[in-house]
Amino acid sequence: MVAIDNALASQAFMPLAGMRPDEDTARVITLVVLLVQAVLAVASTRLVSLINTAAVGLELALVVITAAALVIAAAVTGNGSVGNLTSRGITEDAPHYFAVGGGLMIAMIMGLATLVGFDSAANLAEEAKDPYRSVPRAIVGSVVAAGLLGLLFLITLTVAIEDVPRISSRTPNRDPKAT
């Protein structure tokens, strides 16, 4: 859990919040997250299970609703294209695209969510009925669901993009008449 919480703090939360890289700050954030997790675990395993179930259900619902909305919006407006799935955007000309904070950073969050999903299933194993059977199913199910729904979301998001190179550039072409 410490490694996952530290990765969440230093590799996801801090860059997305616009905070400069600082290991001391990442450690403080990690400790706060661990403290919240400990309080929840001590308070009640049932409460942790309820929170986990609600979070997973909400995540699944949001991914499905967002993917459906993107497909509907692209179909109604005529914007977007299946050809976007093979577009490379600006990655060929962007030497720092794969640096920390680059476009790859957002893609890493999906893997983090998958790890949290199967880690939660493993942590709740001691409270499960027939853990030898139900826990492996929960772990495999969480990874498969995260992978399939994540793939569905990424495909619909990519298809719905109107102009991949413009959207993927750091300085989008803005129409001065639009402001």
N, C-alpha and C. Protein backbone atom coordinates (compact mmCIF):
# COMPACT_ATOMS: atom_id res chain seq x y z
N MET A 1 0.82 -1.19 0.00
CA MET A 1 0.00 0.00 0.00
C MET A 1 0.87 1.27 0.00
N VAL A 2 1.98 1.21 0.72
CA VAL A 2 2.85 2.40 0.79
C VAL A 2 3.37 2.76 -0.59
N ALA A 3 3.79 1.77 -1.35
CA ALA A 3 4.32 2.04 -2.69
C ALA A 3 3.24 2.62 -3.60
N ILE A 4 2.03 2.06 -3.52
CA ILE A 4 0.93 2.56 -4.34
C ILE A 4 0.57 3.98 -3.92
N ASP A 5 0.49 4.23 -2.61
CA ASP A 5 0.17 5.58 -2.13
C ASP A 5 1.24 6.59 -2.50
N ASN A 6 2.51 6.18 -2.44
CA ASN A 6 3.58 7.09 -2.81
C ASN A 6 3.55 7.38 -4.31
N ALA A 7 3.27 6.35 -5.11
CA ALA A 7 3.15 6.57 -6.56
C ALA A 7 1.97 7.49 -6.86
N LEU A 8 0.88 7.29 -6.15
CA LEU A 8 -0.28 8.17 -6.33
C LEU A 8 0.09 9.61 -6.02
N ALA A 9 0.81 9.82 -4.92
CA ALA A 9 1.18 11.18 -4.51
C ALA A 9 2.18 11.80 -5.47
N SER A 10 3.29 11.10 -5.74
CA SER A 10 4.39 11.73 -6.49
C SER A 10 4.22 11.67 -8.01
N GLN A 11 3.61 10.61 -8.52
CA GLN A 11 3.54 10.44 -9.97
C GLN A 11 2.20 10.83 -10.58
N ALA A 12 1.17 10.91 -9.76
CA ALA A 12 -0.14 11.25 -10.31
C ALA A 12 -0.70 12.54 -9.69
N PHE A 13 -0.86 12.56 -8.37
CA PHE A 13 -1.52 13.70 -7.73
C PHE A 13 -0.74 15.00 -7.90
N MET A 14 0.54 14.97 -7.55
CA MET A 14 1.33 16.21 -7.61
C MET A 14 1.43 16.80 -9.02
N PRO A 15 1.75 16.00 -10.06
CA PRO A 15 1.79 16.59 -11.40
C PRO A 15 0.41 17.10 -11.87
N LEU A 16 -0.64 16.34 -11.56
CA LEU A 16 -1.97 16.77 -11.99
C LEU A 16 -2.44 18.01 -11.23
N ALA A 17 -1.97 18.19 -9.99
CA ALA A 17 -2.34 19.37 -9.20
C ALA A 17 -1.42 20.55 -9.50
N GLY A 18 -0.45 20.35 -10.39
CA GLY A 18 0.45 21.43 -10.76
C GLY A 18 1.52 21.72 -9.72
N MET A 19 1.76 20.76 -8.84
CA MET A 19 2.78 20.94 -7.80
C MET A 19 4.14 20.55 -8.36
N ARG A 20 5.17 21.26 -7.97
CA ARG A 20 6.51 20.93 -8.44
C ARG A 20 6.97 19.64 -7.76
N PRO A 21 7.81 18.85 -8.44
CA PRO A 21 8.30 17.60 -7.85
C PRO A 21 9.09 17.87 -6.58
N ASP A 22 8.71 17.23 -5.48
CA ASP A 22 9.39 17.38 -4.21
C ASP A 22 9.11 16.13 -3.38
N GLU A 23 10.15 15.37 -3.10
CA GLU A 23 9.99 14.11 -2.38
C GLU A 23 9.44 14.31 -0.96
N ASP A 24 9.82 15.39 -0.31
CA ASP A 24 9.31 15.64 1.05
C ASP A 24 7.80 15.85 1.02
N THR A 25 7.32 16.61 0.05
CA THR A 25 5.87 16.82 -0.07
C THR A 25 5.17 15.52 -0.43
N ALA A 26 5.76 14.74 -1.30
CA ALA A 26 5.18 13.44 -1.67
C ALA A 26 5.10 12.52 -0.46
N ARG A 27 6.09 12.55 0.39
CA ARG A 27 6.06 11.71 1.60
C ARG A 27 4.97 12.16 2.55
N VAL A 28 4.78 13.45 2.68
CA VAL A 28 3.71 13.96 3.56
C VAL A 28 2.34 13.55 3.02
N ILE A 29 2.15 13.70 1.71
CA ILE A 29 0.88 13.29 1.10
C ILE A 29 0.68 11.79 1.29
N THR A 30 1.74 11.01 1.11
CA THR A 30 1.66 9.56 1.30
C THR A 30 1.25 9.23 2.73
N LEU A 31 1.85 9.89 3.71
CA LEU A 31 1.50 9.64 5.11
C LEU A 31 0.05 10.00 5.41
N VAL A 32 -0.43 11.09 4.84
CA VAL A 32 -1.83 11.49 5.05
C VAL A 32 -2.78 10.44 4.47
N VAL A 33 -2.48 9.98 3.25
CA VAL A 33 -3.32 8.96 2.62
C VAL A 33 -3.28 7.66 3.43
N LEU A 34 -2.10 7.27 3.91
CA LEU A 34 -1.99 6.06 4.74
C LEU A 34 -2.77 6.20 6.04
N LEU A 35 -2.73 7.38 6.64
CA LEU A 35 -3.47 7.62 7.87
C LEU A 35 -4.97 7.50 7.64
N VAL A 36 -5.45 8.07 6.56
CA VAL A 36 -6.88 7.95 6.23
C VAL A 36 -7.25 6.48 6.01
N GLN A 37 -6.41 5.74 5.30
CA GLN A 37 -6.67 4.32 5.06
C GLN A 37 -6.67 3.54 6.37
N ALA A 38 -5.73 3.85 7.25
CA ALA A 38 -5.66 3.14 8.53
C ALA A 38 -6.90 3.41 9.38
N VAL A 39 -7.33 4.66 9.41
CA VAL A 39 -8.53 5.00 10.19
C VAL A 39 -9.74 4.26 9.64
N LEU A 40 -9.87 4.21 8.32
CA LEU A 40 -10.99 3.48 7.73
C LEU A 40 -10.91 1.99 8.04
N ALA A 41 -9.72 1.41 7.96
CA ALA A 41 -9.57 -0.02 8.22
C ALA A 41 -9.85 -0.35 9.68
N VAL A 42 -9.40 0.51 10.59
CA VAL A 42 -9.63 0.28 12.02
C VAL A 42 -11.11 0.48 12.36
N ALA A 43 -11.73 1.48 11.72
CA ALA A 43 -13.13 1.78 12.01
C ALA A 43 -14.02 0.59 11.71
N SER A 44 -13.80 -0.01 10.57
CA SER A 44 -14.65 -1.16 10.25
C SER A 44 -14.27 -1.72 8.89
N THR A 45 -14.09 -3.01 8.85
CA THR A 45 -13.83 -3.67 7.58
C THR A 45 -15.08 -3.60 6.72
N ARG A 46 -16.22 -3.64 7.35
CA ARG A 46 -17.48 -3.53 6.62
C ARG A 46 -17.60 -2.16 5.95
N LEU A 47 -17.16 -1.12 6.66
CA LEU A 47 -17.18 0.23 6.10
C LEU A 47 -16.23 0.32 4.90
N VAL A 48 -15.04 -0.25 5.04
CA VAL A 48 -14.08 -0.26 3.94
C VAL A 48 -14.66 -1.01 2.74
N SER A 49 -15.31 -2.12 2.99
CA SER A 49 -15.93 -2.89 1.93
C SER A 49 -17.03 -2.08 1.24
N LEU A 50 -17.83 -1.39 2.03
CA LEU A 50 -18.89 -0.55 1.47
C LEU A 50 -18.32 0.58 0.62
N ILE A 51 -17.27 1.24 1.12
CA ILE A 51 -16.63 2.32 0.37
C ILE A 51 -16.03 1.79 -0.93
N ASN A 52 -15.36 0.64 -0.84
CA ASN A 52 -14.75 0.04 -2.03
C ASN A 52 -15.81 -0.33 -3.06
N THR A 53 -16.89 -0.94 -2.61
CA THR A 53 -17.96 -1.33 -3.53
C THR A 53 -18.59 -0.10 -4.18
N ALA A 54 -18.83 0.94 -3.39
CA ALA A 54 -19.41 2.17 -3.94
C ALA A 54 -18.45 2.81 -4.95
N ALA A 55 -17.15 2.84 -4.63
CA ALA A 55 -16.17 3.45 -5.53
C ALA A 55 -16.08 2.69 -6.84
N VAL A 56 -16.06 1.37 -6.77
CA VAL A 56 -15.99 0.55 -7.99
C VAL A 56 -17.25 0.74 -8.82
N GLY A 57 -18.41 0.71 -8.17
CA GLY A 57 -19.67 0.91 -8.89
C GLY A 57 -19.73 2.27 -9.55
N LEU A 58 -19.30 3.31 -8.83
CA LEU A 58 -19.31 4.66 -9.38
C LEU A 58 -18.34 4.77 -10.56
N GLU A 59 -17.15 4.17 -10.42
CA GLU A 59 -16.17 4.21 -11.51
C GLU A 59 -16.70 3.52 -12.76
N LEU A 60 -17.31 2.35 -12.58
CA LEU A 60 -17.85 1.62 -13.73
C LEU A 60 -18.97 2.43 -14.40
N ALA A 61 -19.87 2.98 -13.58
CA ALA A 61 -20.97 3.76 -14.13
C ALA A 61 -20.47 5.00 -14.88
N LEU A 62 -19.50 5.70 -14.31
CA LEU A 62 -18.98 6.91 -14.96
C LEU A 62 -18.29 6.59 -16.28
N VAL A 63 -17.54 5.50 -16.32
CA VAL A 63 -16.85 5.13 -17.56
C VAL A 63 -17.87 4.79 -18.65
N VAL A 64 -18.89 4.01 -18.30
CA VAL A 64 -19.90 3.61 -19.28
C VAL A 64 -20.70 4.83 -19.75
N ILE A 65 -21.11 5.69 -18.82
CA ILE A 65 -21.89 6.88 -19.18
C ILE A 65 -21.05 7.83 -20.04
N THR A 66 -19.80 8.05 -19.66
CA THR A 66 -18.94 8.96 -20.43
C THR A 66 -18.68 8.40 -21.83
N ALA A 67 -18.41 7.11 -21.93
CA ALA A 67 -18.17 6.50 -23.25
C ALA A 67 -19.42 6.61 -24.12
N ALA A 68 -20.60 6.34 -23.55
CA ALA A 68 -21.84 6.45 -24.31
C ALA A 68 -22.08 7.90 -24.75
N ALA A 69 -21.82 8.85 -23.86
CA ALA A 69 -22.01 10.27 -24.19
C ALA A 69 -21.07 10.69 -25.32
N LEU A 70 -19.83 10.21 -25.29
CA LEU A 70 -18.88 10.54 -26.36
C LEU A 70 -19.33 9.98 -27.70
N VAL A 71 -19.81 8.76 -27.71
CA VAL A 71 -20.28 8.15 -28.96
C VAL A 71 -21.48 8.92 -29.49
N ILE A 72 -22.42 9.26 -28.61
CA ILE A 72 -23.61 10.01 -29.03
C ILE A 72 -23.21 11.40 -29.55
N ALA A 73 -22.33 12.09 -28.83
CA ALA A 73 -21.90 13.43 -29.25
C ALA A 73 -21.19 13.38 -30.60
N ALA A 74 -20.32 12.40 -30.79
CA ALA A 74 -19.61 12.29 -32.07
C ALA A 74 -20.57 11.95 -33.20
N ALA A 75 -21.57 11.10 -32.93
CA ALA A 75 -22.53 10.72 -33.96
C ALA A 75 -23.45 11.89 -34.32
N VAL A 76 -23.91 12.64 -33.31
CA VAL A 76 -24.84 13.75 -33.55
C VAL A 76 -24.15 14.92 -34.25
N THR A 77 -22.95 15.28 -33.81
CA THR A 77 -22.26 16.44 -34.37
C THR A 77 -21.51 16.12 -35.66
N GLY A 78 -21.20 14.86 -35.88
CA GLY A 78 -20.41 14.49 -37.05
C GLY A 78 -18.93 14.74 -36.87
N ASN A 79 -18.54 15.27 -35.71
CA ASN A 79 -17.12 15.48 -35.41
C ASN A 79 -16.52 14.17 -34.94
N GLY A 80 -15.24 14.06 -35.08
CA GLY A 80 -14.56 12.84 -34.67
C GLY A 80 -14.44 11.90 -35.85
N SER A 81 -13.58 10.91 -35.68
CA SER A 81 -13.33 9.99 -36.79
C SER A 81 -12.69 8.72 -36.26
N VAL A 82 -13.05 7.61 -36.86
CA VAL A 82 -12.44 6.34 -36.51
C VAL A 82 -10.96 6.36 -36.91
N GLY A 83 -10.60 7.17 -37.89
CA GLY A 83 -9.21 7.32 -38.31
C GLY A 83 -8.32 7.87 -37.21
N ASN A 84 -8.91 8.49 -36.20
CA ASN A 84 -8.12 8.98 -35.07
C ASN A 84 -7.39 7.86 -34.35
N LEU A 85 -7.92 6.66 -34.45
CA LEU A 85 -7.31 5.53 -33.74
C LEU A 85 -5.91 5.21 -34.26
N THR A 86 -5.58 5.66 -35.46
CA THR A 86 -4.23 5.42 -36.00
C THR A 86 -3.40 6.69 -36.05
N SER A 87 -3.94 7.81 -35.58
CA SER A 87 -3.21 9.07 -35.60
C SER A 87 -2.12 9.07 -34.53
N ARG A 88 -1.00 9.70 -34.84
CA ARG A 88 0.09 9.80 -33.87
C ARG A 88 0.15 11.19 -33.26
N GLY A 89 -0.76 12.07 -33.66
CA GLY A 89 -0.80 13.41 -33.09
C GLY A 89 0.53 14.12 -33.25
N ILE A 90 1.04 14.69 -32.18
CA ILE A 90 2.29 15.44 -32.25
C ILE A 90 3.47 14.68 -31.66
N THR A 91 3.30 13.41 -31.34
CA THR A 91 4.35 12.68 -30.65
C THR A 91 5.65 12.59 -31.44
N GLU A 92 5.57 12.61 -32.75
CA GLU A 92 6.81 12.52 -33.55
C GLU A 92 7.70 13.74 -33.33
N ASP A 93 7.11 14.90 -33.13
CA ASP A 93 7.88 16.13 -33.01
C ASP A 93 8.01 16.63 -31.58
N ALA A 94 7.61 15.86 -30.61
CA ALA A 94 7.63 16.32 -29.23
C ALA A 94 8.64 15.49 -28.42
N PRO A 95 9.87 15.99 -28.24
CA PRO A 95 10.90 15.19 -27.56
C PRO A 95 10.60 14.91 -26.10
N HIS A 96 9.79 15.72 -25.45
CA HIS A 96 9.51 15.52 -24.02
C HIS A 96 8.12 14.94 -23.78
N TYR A 97 7.52 14.36 -24.80
CA TYR A 97 6.16 13.83 -24.66
C TYR A 97 6.08 12.75 -23.59
N PHE A 98 7.11 11.92 -23.48
CA PHE A 98 7.07 10.82 -22.53
C PHE A 98 7.72 11.17 -21.20
N ALA A 99 8.06 12.42 -20.97
CA ALA A 99 8.64 12.85 -19.70
C ALA A 99 7.55 12.90 -18.63
N VAL A 100 7.97 12.96 -17.37
CA VAL A 100 7.01 13.07 -16.28
C VAL A 100 6.20 14.34 -16.49
N GLY A 101 4.90 14.20 -16.44
CA GLY A 101 4.02 15.33 -16.69
C GLY A 101 3.60 15.43 -18.14
N GLY A 102 4.14 14.58 -19.01
CA GLY A 102 3.78 14.59 -20.42
C GLY A 102 2.47 13.86 -20.65
N GLY A 103 2.16 13.63 -21.91
CA GLY A 103 0.89 13.01 -22.26
C GLY A 103 0.73 11.61 -21.72
N LEU A 104 1.82 10.92 -21.48
CA LEU A 104 1.74 9.56 -20.96
C LEU A 104 1.27 9.52 -19.50
N MET A 105 1.40 10.63 -18.77
CA MET A 105 1.05 10.66 -17.35
C MET A 105 -0.41 10.27 -17.12
N ILE A 106 -1.31 10.79 -17.90
CA ILE A 106 -2.72 10.48 -17.71
C ILE A 106 -2.98 9.00 -17.97
N ALA A 107 -2.30 8.42 -18.94
CA ALA A 107 -2.50 7.01 -19.24
C ALA A 107 -2.08 6.12 -18.08
N MET A 108 -1.14 6.58 -17.26
CA MET A 108 -0.69 5.78 -16.13
C MET A 108 -1.76 5.65 -15.05
N ILE A 109 -2.68 6.57 -14.99
CA ILE A 109 -3.71 6.53 -13.96
C ILE A 109 -4.57 5.28 -14.12
N MET A 110 -4.80 4.85 -15.36
CA MET A 110 -5.60 3.66 -15.58
C MET A 110 -4.95 2.44 -14.94
N GLY A 111 -3.64 2.31 -15.09
CA GLY A 111 -2.93 1.20 -14.46
C GLY A 111 -3.00 1.29 -12.95
N LEU A 112 -2.93 2.50 -12.41
CA LEU A 112 -3.03 2.69 -10.96
C LEU A 112 -4.39 2.23 -10.46
N ALA A 113 -5.46 2.56 -11.20
CA ALA A 113 -6.80 2.14 -10.81
C ALA A 113 -6.91 0.62 -10.85
N THR A 114 -6.27 -0.02 -11.82
CA THR A 114 -6.30 -1.48 -11.89
C THR A 114 -5.60 -2.08 -10.69
N LEU A 115 -4.44 -1.53 -10.33
CA LEU A 115 -3.73 -2.04 -9.15
C LEU A 115 -4.56 -1.87 -7.88
N VAL A 116 -5.20 -0.73 -7.72
CA VAL A 116 -6.02 -0.49 -6.54
C VAL A 116 -7.18 -1.47 -6.52
N GLY A 117 -7.77 -1.76 -7.68
CA GLY A 117 -8.88 -2.70 -7.74
C GLY A 117 -8.51 -4.09 -7.26
N PHE A 118 -7.41 -4.62 -7.75
CA PHE A 118 -7.10 -5.97 -7.31
C PHE A 118 -6.46 -5.98 -5.94
N ASP A 119 -5.80 -4.90 -5.55
CA ASP A 119 -5.26 -4.81 -4.20
C ASP A 119 -6.38 -4.76 -3.17
N SER A 120 -7.45 -4.06 -3.49
CA SER A 120 -8.60 -4.00 -2.58
C SER A 120 -9.21 -5.38 -2.40
N ALA A 121 -9.32 -6.12 -3.49
CA ALA A 121 -9.87 -7.47 -3.41
C ALA A 121 -8.99 -8.36 -2.53
N ALA A 122 -7.68 -8.22 -2.67
CA ALA A 122 -6.77 -9.03 -1.87
C ALA A 122 -6.81 -8.62 -0.39
N ASN A 123 -6.91 -7.31 -0.11
CA ASN A 123 -6.95 -6.85 1.28
C ASN A 123 -8.21 -7.28 2.01
N LEU A 124 -9.30 -7.44 1.30
CA LEU A 124 -10.55 -7.84 1.93
C LEU A 124 -10.71 -9.36 1.99
N ALA A 125 -9.67 -10.09 1.61
CA ALA A 125 -9.74 -11.55 1.54
C ALA A 125 -10.08 -12.19 2.88
N GLU A 126 -9.56 -11.61 3.96
CA GLU A 126 -9.81 -12.22 5.27
C GLU A 126 -11.26 -12.14 5.69
N GLU A 127 -12.01 -11.26 5.11
CA GLU A 127 -13.43 -11.11 5.44
C GLU A 127 -14.34 -11.81 4.44
N ALA A 128 -13.78 -12.38 3.39
CA ALA A 128 -14.58 -12.97 2.33
C ALA A 128 -15.08 -14.36 2.71
N LYS A 129 -16.22 -14.70 2.17
CA LYS A 129 -16.73 -16.07 2.31
C LYS A 129 -16.05 -16.90 1.24
N ASP A 130 -15.56 -18.06 1.61
CA ASP A 130 -14.84 -18.95 0.71
C ASP A 130 -13.74 -18.20 -0.05
N PRO A 131 -12.74 -17.66 0.70
CA PRO A 131 -11.72 -16.80 0.08
C PRO A 131 -10.88 -17.49 -0.98
N TYR A 132 -10.68 -18.82 -0.89
CA TYR A 132 -9.87 -19.51 -1.89
C TYR A 132 -10.52 -19.46 -3.27
N ARG A 133 -11.81 -19.28 -3.29
CA ARG A 133 -12.52 -19.24 -4.56
C ARG A 133 -12.91 -17.81 -4.95
N SER A 134 -13.41 -17.03 -3.99
CA SER A 134 -13.94 -15.71 -4.33
C SER A 134 -12.86 -14.65 -4.55
N VAL A 135 -11.75 -14.71 -3.82
CA VAL A 135 -10.72 -13.69 -3.96
C VAL A 135 -10.03 -13.75 -5.32
N PRO A 136 -9.59 -14.92 -5.80
CA PRO A 136 -9.00 -14.95 -7.15
C PRO A 136 -9.97 -14.46 -8.22
N ARG A 137 -11.26 -14.82 -8.08
CA ARG A 137 -12.25 -14.33 -9.03
C ARG A 137 -12.36 -12.80 -8.98
N ALA A 138 -12.34 -12.25 -7.77
CA ALA A 138 -12.44 -10.79 -7.62
C ALA A 138 -11.22 -10.10 -8.22
N ILE A 139 -10.04 -10.66 -8.00
CA ILE A 139 -8.82 -10.06 -8.53
C ILE A 139 -8.83 -10.09 -10.06
N VAL A 140 -9.09 -11.25 -10.63
CA VAL A 140 -9.12 -11.37 -12.09
C VAL A 140 -10.26 -10.51 -12.66
N GLY A 141 -11.39 -10.53 -12.01
CA GLY A 141 -12.53 -9.73 -12.47
C GLY A 141 -12.23 -8.24 -12.47
N SER A 142 -11.54 -7.76 -11.43
CA SER A 142 -11.24 -6.33 -11.37
C SER A 142 -10.25 -5.92 -12.46
N VAL A 143 -9.28 -6.75 -12.73
CA VAL A 143 -8.30 -6.44 -13.78
C VAL A 143 -8.95 -6.50 -15.16
N VAL A 144 -9.78 -7.52 -15.40
CA VAL A 144 -10.46 -7.64 -16.69
C VAL A 144 -11.43 -6.48 -16.90
N ALA A 145 -12.22 -6.16 -15.87
CA ALA A 145 -13.19 -5.06 -15.99
C ALA A 145 -12.48 -3.73 -16.23
N ALA A 146 -11.41 -3.48 -15.48
CA ALA A 146 -10.67 -2.22 -15.66
C ALA A 146 -10.05 -2.16 -17.05
N GLY A 147 -9.51 -3.27 -17.51
CA GLY A 147 -8.91 -3.30 -18.85
C GLY A 147 -9.93 -3.09 -19.95
N LEU A 148 -11.05 -3.80 -19.89
CA LEU A 148 -12.07 -3.68 -20.94
C LEU A 148 -12.75 -2.32 -20.93
N LEU A 149 -13.14 -1.86 -19.75
CA LEU A 149 -13.81 -0.56 -19.68
C LEU A 149 -12.83 0.57 -20.00
N GLY A 150 -11.59 0.43 -19.56
CA GLY A 150 -10.59 1.44 -19.90
C GLY A 150 -10.36 1.50 -21.39
N LEU A 151 -10.28 0.33 -22.04
CA LEU A 151 -10.10 0.28 -23.49
C LEU A 151 -11.31 0.89 -24.20
N LEU A 152 -12.51 0.57 -23.75
CA LEU A 152 -13.72 1.15 -24.33
C LEU A 152 -13.69 2.67 -24.21
N PHE A 153 -13.34 3.16 -23.03
CA PHE A 153 -13.29 4.61 -22.82
C PHE A 153 -12.24 5.28 -23.70
N LEU A 154 -11.05 4.69 -23.76
CA LEU A 154 -9.98 5.28 -24.58
C LEU A 154 -10.33 5.28 -26.07
N ILE A 155 -10.97 4.22 -26.54
CA ILE A 155 -11.37 4.17 -27.95
C ILE A 155 -12.42 5.24 -28.24
N THR A 156 -13.45 5.33 -27.39
CA THR A 156 -14.49 6.33 -27.64
C THR A 156 -13.94 7.75 -27.51
N LEU A 157 -13.06 7.96 -26.57
CA LEU A 157 -12.45 9.28 -26.41
C LEU A 157 -11.62 9.65 -27.64
N THR A 158 -10.84 8.70 -28.12
CA THR A 158 -10.00 8.96 -29.28
C THR A 158 -10.82 9.21 -30.54
N VAL A 159 -11.88 8.43 -30.73
CA VAL A 159 -12.74 8.61 -31.90
C VAL A 159 -13.44 9.97 -31.86
N ALA A 160 -13.79 10.43 -30.66
CA ALA A 160 -14.54 11.69 -30.52
C ALA A 160 -13.68 12.94 -30.70
N ILE A 161 -12.38 12.80 -30.74
CA ILE A 161 -11.50 13.96 -30.89
C ILE A 161 -11.64 14.51 -32.31
N GLU A 162 -11.81 15.82 -32.42
CA GLU A 162 -12.01 16.43 -33.73
C GLU A 162 -10.70 16.60 -34.50
N ASP A 163 -9.66 17.06 -33.83
CA ASP A 163 -8.38 17.34 -34.49
C ASP A 163 -7.25 16.88 -33.57
N VAL A 164 -6.78 15.66 -33.75
CA VAL A 164 -5.80 15.06 -32.83
C VAL A 164 -4.52 15.89 -32.71
N PRO A 165 -3.87 16.32 -33.80
CA PRO A 165 -2.65 17.11 -33.62
C PRO A 165 -2.87 18.42 -32.86
N ARG A 166 -3.99 19.09 -33.13
CA ARG A 166 -4.25 20.35 -32.42
C ARG A 166 -4.52 20.10 -30.94
N ILE A 167 -5.30 19.08 -30.63
CA ILE A 167 -5.65 18.76 -29.25
C ILE A 167 -4.43 18.28 -28.48
N SER A 168 -3.54 17.54 -29.14
CA SER A 168 -2.38 16.99 -28.43
C SER A 168 -1.22 17.95 -28.34
N SER A 169 -1.33 19.11 -28.97
CA SER A 169 -0.24 20.08 -28.85
C SER A 169 -0.39 20.87 -27.56
N ARG A 170 0.73 21.37 -27.07
CA ARG A 170 0.71 22.14 -25.82
C ARG A 170 0.13 23.54 -26.04
N THR A 171 0.25 24.06 -27.23
CA THR A 171 -0.29 25.39 -27.54
C THR A 171 -1.31 25.24 -28.64
N PRO A 172 -2.57 24.98 -28.27
CA PRO A 172 -3.59 24.76 -29.28
C PRO A 172 -3.81 26.02 -30.13
N ASN A 173 -4.15 25.77 -31.39
CA ASN A 173 -4.46 26.88 -32.28
C ASN A 173 -5.79 27.47 -31.87
N ARG A 174 -5.74 28.68 -31.39
CA ARG A 174 -6.97 29.32 -30.94
C ARG A 174 -7.44 30.31 -32.01
N ASP A 175 -8.73 30.31 -32.20
CA ASP A 175 -9.33 31.25 -33.14
C ASP A 175 -9.50 32.58 -32.43
N PRO A 176 -8.81 33.64 -32.88
CA PRO A 176 -8.91 34.92 -32.16
C PRO A 176 -10.32 35.49 -32.21
N LYS A 177 -11.12 35.09 -33.20
CA LYS A 177 -12.50 35.58 -33.27
C LYS A 177 -13.38 34.94 -32.21
N ALA A 178 -12.97 33.75 -31.71
CA ALA A 178 -13.79 33.03 -30.74
C ALA A 178 -13.72 33.66 -29.36
N THR A 179 -12.69 34.45 -29.06
CA THR A 179 -12.56 35.02 -27.72
C THR A 179 -13.26 36.34 -27.58
